[in-house]
Amino acid sequence: MQTMTIIVPCYNEEEALPYFYEEISKIRQQLTEISLKLLFVNDGSTDNTLTILKKLASSDNSVYYISFSRNFGKEAAIYAGLKNSTSDYTAIMDADLQDPPSLLPSMLHAVREEGYDSVATRRVNRKGEPLVRSFFARMFYKLIRKMSDTDIVDGARDFRLMNRPFVDALLELNEYNRFSKGLFGWVGFRTKWIEFENTERIAGETKWSFFQLVRYSLDGMISFSTAPLKLASFTGMFMCIISFLAIIFIIVRQLLFGGSAFGWPSMACIVIFIGGIQLLCIGILGSYLSRTYMEVKKRPIYICQESNLSQIKLLNLNEKMIKKKVYKLLRNPQRPINTGVADFC
């Protein structure tokens, strides 16, 4: 039987987790042809999220969890889930039920029967979101699609289902500064998009503030485009041309009319303006340099403080060793074989 792992990043989701588990349990009953596992990634929650995950794991042997030593961010949680998923299919979805679990059967069918490597989802509207946030979100997607060669779809969610080759390709991209929406598009493969109406959180509050979203958007632009660097270069060239023409104009006017090289207030404004452009360009360059600095330090993307995955890995290892022993016994039945527990652990 094929297996599927659902990765669920969690940060202070104690209110939403019971609802999520109830809904995903209903979907599990529909997916009888596949073995379903739940992998929750606790991203340094400060509430009772980890306690709830432990209770779920103790009552359901298909529930696993990874708990970080601190809050590393959703991107790190997604990477940790992908790295620890060994299933034939892997899905990513949020615990707040803004990603409808009811779409999973059709997503799985598309990957298994229709030949797609990945099935992604996008919102067709932003019902329930503040107008300012919705406006800037749309502007971000329009801008990054023009700046980058990577296919980043407007309204795309992290909610998607992938086959094994797709996940393996993502794991090859072990960069520190991660922007999953861009990474999904960069690796390519055949992807089917499913649209759905936006729904509000089932419980709790969003963990993304407006300024966090702005910073995340800037990370995406810098990660998948060098357009800001080119813009800084073109701006510098443009200002040089304007300055050169202005110098020629002043010299000609001085020679023709005399006594016209005055205007210190306007000159001060021009100097301040050019200085501001220089600082802007240095800031753009510094943003790329800072990300290079973070990459070359080779710090781990996350640190796991606690997990119950070690148990299942040990069981899998034992199963493989048992199969290996049985295989050797079948090939050489005359050879004595030790079947003690110590031989497998």
Protein backbone atom coordinates (compact mmCIF):
# COMPACT_ATOMS: atom_id res chain seq x y z
CA MET A 1 0.00 0.00 0.00
CA GLN A 2 1.29 3.46 -0.89
CA THR A 3 1.78 6.05 1.83
CA MET A 4 1.10 9.77 2.17
CA THR A 5 2.39 12.20 4.77
CA ILE A 6 0.61 15.45 5.56
CA ILE A 7 2.98 18.10 6.93
CA VAL A 8 1.30 20.58 9.26
CA PRO A 9 3.38 23.56 10.48
CA CYS A 10 2.11 24.77 13.85
CA TYR A 11 2.78 27.94 15.78
CA ASN A 12 0.47 28.58 18.74
CA GLU A 13 -2.37 26.54 17.22
CA GLU A 14 -3.80 25.00 20.40
CA GLU A 15 -7.29 26.24 19.55
CA ALA A 16 -7.29 25.04 15.93
CA LEU A 17 -5.63 21.62 16.31
CA PRO A 18 -8.67 19.71 17.65
CA TYR A 19 -10.81 20.97 14.76
CA PHE A 20 -8.10 20.14 12.25
CA TYR A 21 -7.62 16.61 13.55
CA GLU A 22 -11.36 16.01 13.47
CA GLU A 23 -11.64 17.15 9.85
CA ILE A 24 -8.58 15.25 8.65
CA SER A 25 -9.89 12.10 10.34
CA LYS A 26 -13.01 12.33 8.18
CA ILE A 27 -10.91 12.60 5.05
CA ARG A 28 -8.79 9.64 6.15
CA GLN A 29 -11.89 7.45 6.03
CA GLN A 30 -12.30 8.34 2.36
CA LEU A 31 -8.68 7.54 1.47
CA THR A 32 -8.88 3.82 2.18
CA GLU A 33 -6.47 2.92 -0.64
CA ILE A 34 -3.54 4.75 0.95
CA SER A 35 -1.81 4.80 4.34
CA LEU A 36 -2.05 8.32 5.76
CA LYS A 37 0.40 9.83 8.26
CA LEU A 38 0.26 13.21 9.99
CA LEU A 39 3.53 15.03 10.67
CA PHE A 40 3.07 18.12 12.83
CA VAL A 41 5.98 20.57 13.11
CA ASN A 42 5.81 22.65 16.27
CA ASP A 43 7.61 25.89 15.41
CA GLY A 44 8.53 26.97 18.95
CA SER A 45 4.96 27.50 20.14
CA THR A 46 4.51 29.22 23.51
CA ASP A 47 1.05 27.80 24.21
CA ASN A 48 -0.11 24.19 24.68
CA THR A 49 0.41 23.15 21.07
CA LEU A 50 3.12 20.61 21.91
CA THR A 51 1.03 19.12 24.72
CA ILE A 52 -1.88 18.57 22.35
CA LEU A 53 0.41 17.01 19.75
CA LYS A 54 1.77 14.57 22.31
CA LYS A 55 -1.75 13.55 23.29
CA LEU A 56 -2.69 12.98 19.65
CA ALA A 57 0.47 10.94 19.08
CA SER A 58 -0.19 8.77 22.15
CA SER A 59 -3.72 7.92 20.97
CA ASP A 60 -3.01 7.64 17.23
CA ASN A 61 0.06 5.78 15.98
CA SER A 62 -0.12 7.58 12.63
CA VAL A 63 0.54 10.98 14.25
CA TYR A 64 4.13 12.21 14.53
CA TYR A 65 5.59 15.51 15.61
CA ILE A 66 8.79 17.53 15.49
CA SER A 67 9.29 20.30 18.01
CA PHE A 68 11.82 23.09 17.38
CA SER A 69 14.04 24.58 20.08
CA ARG A 70 12.64 28.02 19.19
CA ASN A 71 10.59 29.76 16.53
CA PHE A 72 12.46 29.35 13.23
CA GLY A 73 9.58 30.36 10.97
CA LYS A 74 7.13 28.57 8.72
CA GLU A 75 9.67 28.06 5.94
CA ALA A 76 11.92 26.11 8.31
CA ALA A 77 8.93 24.08 9.48
CA ILE A 78 8.04 23.15 5.90
CA TYR A 79 11.62 22.13 5.17
CA ALA A 80 11.78 20.01 8.33
CA GLY A 81 8.60 18.22 7.33
CA LEU A 82 9.83 17.55 3.80
CA LYS A 83 13.17 16.32 5.08
CA ASN A 84 11.53 13.83 7.44
CA SER A 85 8.86 12.58 5.04
CA THR A 86 9.64 9.24 3.43
CA SER A 87 6.19 8.62 1.91
CA ASP A 88 5.26 8.18 -1.72
CA TYR A 89 3.22 11.38 -1.56
CA THR A 90 3.61 14.44 0.64
CA ALA A 91 1.12 17.21 1.32
CA ILE A 92 1.56 20.55 3.10
CA MET A 93 -1.34 22.31 4.76
CA ASP A 94 -2.06 24.73 7.60
CA ALA A 95 -3.75 23.75 10.85
CA ASP A 96 -6.25 26.63 10.76
CA LEU A 97 -8.43 24.90 8.11
CA GLN A 98 -7.98 27.74 5.64
CA ASP A 99 -6.66 24.93 3.45
CA PRO A 100 -9.76 22.73 2.86
CA PRO A 101 -8.97 19.06 3.66
CA SER A 102 -11.89 18.12 1.40
CA LEU A 103 -9.63 18.84 -1.62
CA LEU A 104 -7.16 16.08 -0.72
CA PRO A 105 -8.97 13.19 -2.48
CA SER A 106 -9.14 15.08 -5.79
CA MET A 107 -5.53 16.22 -5.40
CA LEU A 108 -4.37 12.67 -4.79
CA HIS A 109 -6.33 11.45 -7.80
CA ALA A 110 -4.65 14.04 -10.03
CA VAL A 111 -1.18 12.91 -8.97
CA ARG A 112 -1.88 9.18 -9.08
CA GLU A 113 -4.17 8.92 -12.10
CA GLU A 114 -3.70 12.04 -14.24
CA GLY A 115 0.09 12.04 -14.40
CA TYR A 116 0.81 15.24 -12.49
CA ASP A 117 3.83 15.54 -10.19
CA SER A 118 2.24 18.17 -8.00
CA VAL A 119 -1.19 19.62 -7.31
CA ALA A 120 -1.20 23.17 -5.96
CA THR A 121 -4.01 25.41 -4.73
CA ARG A 122 -4.78 29.09 -5.07
CA ARG A 123 -7.41 31.39 -3.63
CA VAL A 124 -9.70 33.08 -6.11
CA ASN A 125 -10.55 35.83 -3.64
CA ARG A 126 -9.38 37.22 -0.30
CA LYS A 127 -12.67 37.35 1.51
CA GLY A 128 -12.23 38.22 5.17
CA GLU A 129 -8.81 39.86 4.77
CA PRO A 130 -8.21 43.57 5.42
CA LEU A 131 -8.42 45.61 2.24
CA VAL A 132 -4.94 47.08 2.66
CA ARG A 133 -3.35 43.65 3.02
CA SER A 134 -5.25 42.31 0.01
CA PHE A 135 -4.19 45.27 -2.14
CA PHE A 136 -0.50 44.92 -1.31
CA ALA A 137 -0.65 41.15 -1.76
CA ARG A 138 -1.98 41.54 -5.29
CA MET A 139 0.63 44.19 -6.06
CA PHE A 140 3.36 41.86 -4.78
CA TYR A 141 2.33 39.03 -7.08
CA LYS A 142 2.06 41.35 -10.10
CA LEU A 143 5.49 42.81 -9.36
CA ILE A 144 7.33 39.56 -8.70
CA ARG A 145 5.88 37.93 -11.82
CA LYS A 146 7.40 40.75 -13.87
CA MET A 147 10.70 40.69 -11.98
CA SER A 148 11.29 36.95 -11.87
CA ASP A 149 11.40 34.14 -14.43
CA THR A 150 9.99 31.73 -11.83
CA ASP A 151 6.28 30.93 -12.08
CA ILE A 152 4.69 32.38 -8.92
CA VAL A 153 0.89 32.31 -9.16
CA ASP A 154 -1.27 35.03 -7.65
CA GLY A 155 -3.08 33.75 -4.57
CA ALA A 156 -0.96 30.60 -4.36
CA ARG A 157 -1.09 28.76 -1.06
CA ASP A 158 1.49 26.47 0.51
CA PHE A 159 -1.25 23.83 0.43
CA ARG A 160 -0.16 21.29 -2.19
CA LEU A 161 0.36 17.59 -2.80
CA MET A 162 3.61 16.28 -4.30
CA ASN A 163 5.01 12.97 -5.42
CA ARG A 164 8.40 11.61 -4.36
CA PRO A 165 10.51 13.02 -7.24
CA PHE A 166 9.08 16.50 -6.63
CA VAL A 167 9.93 16.35 -2.91
CA ASP A 168 13.43 15.03 -3.61
CA ALA A 169 14.02 17.95 -5.98
CA LEU A 170 12.93 20.42 -3.31
CA LEU A 171 15.29 18.85 -0.77
CA GLU A 172 18.19 19.47 -3.15
CA LEU A 173 17.55 23.19 -2.55
CA ASN A 174 18.90 23.40 1.00
CA GLU A 175 19.37 27.16 1.03
CA TYR A 176 19.00 29.05 4.30
CA ASN A 177 16.85 31.93 3.01
CA ARG A 178 13.82 30.02 1.78
CA PHE A 179 10.78 31.21 -0.14
CA SER A 180 8.71 28.09 -0.79
CA LYS A 181 6.25 29.67 -3.22
CA GLY A 182 9.20 30.42 -5.47
CA LEU A 183 10.98 27.10 -4.86
CA PHE A 184 7.86 25.17 -5.89
CA GLY A 185 7.84 26.96 -9.22
CA TRP A 186 11.61 26.85 -9.72
CA VAL A 187 11.93 23.04 -9.63
CA GLY A 188 9.39 22.75 -12.43
CA PHE A 189 7.55 19.42 -12.99
CA ARG A 190 3.94 19.07 -14.11
CA THR A 191 1.66 20.97 -11.74
CA LYS A 192 -2.11 21.16 -11.67
CA TRP A 193 -3.77 24.17 -10.04
CA ILE A 194 -7.01 23.92 -8.08
CA GLU A 195 -8.92 27.08 -7.16
CA PHE A 196 -11.06 27.53 -4.06
CA GLU A 197 -12.88 30.25 -2.20
CA ASN A 198 -11.01 31.81 0.69
CA THR A 199 -12.20 30.81 4.15
CA GLU A 200 -11.45 32.38 7.50
CA ARG A 201 -9.54 30.66 10.28
CA ILE A 202 -11.50 28.10 12.25
CA ALA A 203 -9.99 29.34 15.52
CA GLY A 204 -7.18 31.50 16.87
CA GLU A 205 -5.55 34.50 15.23
CA THR A 206 -3.20 34.91 12.29
CA LYS A 207 0.49 34.92 13.20
CA TRP A 208 1.45 37.15 10.27
CA SER A 209 1.48 40.88 10.86
CA PHE A 210 1.47 43.35 7.98
CA PHE A 211 5.17 44.18 8.40
CA GLN A 212 6.09 40.48 8.58
CA LEU A 213 4.32 39.96 5.27
CA VAL A 214 6.19 42.92 3.78
CA ARG A 215 9.51 41.47 4.92
CA TYR A 216 8.53 38.05 3.57
CA SER A 217 7.65 39.64 0.23
CA LEU A 218 11.01 41.39 0.06
CA ASP A 219 12.73 38.08 0.82
CA GLY A 220 10.88 36.52 -2.09
CA MET A 221 11.87 39.31 -4.48
CA ILE A 222 15.52 39.15 -3.49
CA SER A 223 15.60 35.34 -3.57
CA PHE A 224 14.18 35.02 -7.08
CA SER A 225 15.18 38.17 -8.90
CA THR A 226 18.20 40.40 -9.48
CA ALA A 227 15.92 43.17 -10.79
CA PRO A 228 16.51 45.44 -7.75
CA LEU A 229 20.27 45.37 -8.45
CA LYS A 230 19.66 46.18 -12.10
CA LEU A 231 17.28 48.96 -11.09
CA ALA A 232 19.97 50.45 -8.84
CA SER A 233 22.49 50.31 -11.70
CA PHE A 234 20.12 51.92 -14.22
CA THR A 235 19.17 54.60 -11.71
CA GLY A 236 22.83 55.42 -11.17
CA MET A 237 23.45 55.63 -14.92
CA PHE A 238 20.38 57.80 -15.39
CA MET A 239 21.45 60.22 -12.66
CA CYS A 240 24.94 60.45 -14.15
CA ILE A 241 23.49 61.38 -17.53
CA ILE A 242 21.16 63.95 -15.96
CA SER A 243 24.06 65.44 -13.96
CA PHE A 244 26.27 65.63 -17.06
CA LEU A 245 23.55 67.39 -19.05
CA ALA A 246 22.92 69.77 -16.13
CA ILE A 247 26.62 70.69 -16.00
CA ILE A 248 26.67 71.45 -19.72
CA PHE A 249 23.50 73.56 -19.35
CA ILE A 250 24.99 75.60 -16.49
CA ILE A 251 28.26 76.20 -18.36
CA VAL A 252 26.46 77.31 -21.52
CA ARG A 253 24.12 79.58 -19.57
CA GLN A 254 27.07 81.11 -17.68
CA LEU A 255 28.93 81.81 -20.92
CA LEU A 256 25.90 83.34 -22.63
CA PHE A 257 24.30 85.34 -19.83
CA GLY A 258 26.90 85.53 -17.08
CA GLY A 259 26.21 85.65 -13.34
CA SER A 260 23.72 82.82 -13.57
CA ALA A 261 25.59 80.09 -11.62
CA PHE A 262 23.69 80.71 -8.42
CA GLY A 263 20.98 78.90 -6.50
CA TRP A 264 22.54 77.21 -3.48
CA PRO A 265 19.18 76.11 -1.99
CA SER A 266 18.33 74.22 -5.18
CA MET A 267 21.86 72.80 -5.28
CA ALA A 268 21.48 71.53 -1.71
CA CYS A 269 18.21 69.84 -2.61
CA ILE A 270 19.85 68.16 -5.59
CA VAL A 271 22.76 66.92 -3.45
CA ILE A 272 20.37 65.53 -0.84
CA PHE A 273 18.30 63.87 -3.56
CA ILE A 274 21.32 62.22 -5.15
CA GLY A 275 22.57 61.19 -1.71
CA GLY A 276 19.23 59.54 -1.01
CA ILE A 277 19.44 57.57 -4.25
CA GLN A 278 22.95 56.46 -3.34
CA LEU A 279 21.81 55.24 0.06
CA LEU A 280 18.90 53.41 -1.57
CA CYS A 281 21.24 51.63 -3.96
CA ILE A 282 23.62 50.76 -1.14
CA GLY A 283 20.66 49.39 0.82
CA ILE A 284 19.62 47.17 -2.11
CA LEU A 285 23.17 45.90 -2.44
CA GLY A 286 23.32 45.33 1.32
CA SER A 287 20.16 43.21 1.22
CA TYR A 288 21.74 40.81 -1.26
CA LEU A 289 25.03 40.84 0.63
CA SER A 290 23.34 40.08 3.96
CA ARG A 291 21.63 37.03 2.49
CA THR A 292 24.91 35.85 1.04
CA TYR A 293 26.43 36.30 4.49
CA MET A 294 23.71 34.12 6.05
CA GLU A 295 24.20 31.43 3.41
CA VAL A 296 27.98 31.13 3.76
CA LYS A 297 27.76 30.69 7.54
CA LYS A 298 26.02 27.34 6.90
CA ARG A 299 23.86 27.51 10.00
CA PRO A 300 21.19 24.81 10.29
CA ILE A 301 17.77 25.78 9.00
CA TYR A 302 16.18 24.46 12.21
CA ILE A 303 17.08 22.71 15.46
CA CYS A 304 14.90 19.84 16.63
CA GLN A 305 14.47 19.76 20.39
CA GLU A 306 12.01 16.88 20.63
CA SER A 307 10.32 14.38 18.33
CA ASN A 308 8.70 10.97 18.26
CA LEU A 309 10.06 10.24 14.77
CA SER A 310 13.03 8.37 16.24
CA GLN A 311 10.67 5.59 17.28
CA ILE A 312 9.33 4.95 13.81
CA LYS A 313 12.82 5.24 12.27
CA LEU A 314 14.06 2.56 14.67
CA LEU A 315 11.11 0.33 13.74
CA ASN A 316 11.78 0.83 10.04
CA LEU A 317 15.44 0.02 10.57
CA ASN A 318 14.56 -3.15 12.43
CA GLU A 319 12.14 -4.20 9.68
CA LYS A 320 14.82 -3.73 7.04
CA MET A 321 17.33 -5.74 9.04
CA ILE A 322 14.81 -8.54 9.58
CA LYS A 323 14.08 -8.69 5.85
CA LYS A 324 17.81 -8.81 5.17
CA LYS A 325 18.27 -11.70 7.59
CA VAL A 326 15.35 -13.60 6.06
CA TYR A 327 16.76 -13.03 2.58
CA LYS A 328 20.15 -14.43 3.63
CA LEU A 329 18.47 -17.41 5.25
CA LEU A 330 16.51 -18.19 2.10
CA ARG A 331 19.65 -18.04 -0.01
CA ASN A 332 21.67 -20.19 2.40
CA PRO A 333 19.31 -22.31 4.53
CA GLN A 334 22.21 -24.38 5.94
CA ARG A 335 23.81 -21.36 7.55
CA PRO A 336 22.80 -20.73 11.21
CA ILE A 337 21.30 -17.33 11.80
CA ASN A 338 20.93 -15.36 15.03
CA THR A 339 17.38 -14.09 15.46
CA GLY A 340 17.87 -12.50 18.86
CA VAL A 341 16.54 -9.00 19.52
CA ALA A 342 20.06 -7.69 20.10
CA ASP A 343 20.92 -8.75 16.58
CA PHE A 344 18.41 -6.27 15.13
CA CYS A 345 18.81 -3.20 17.43
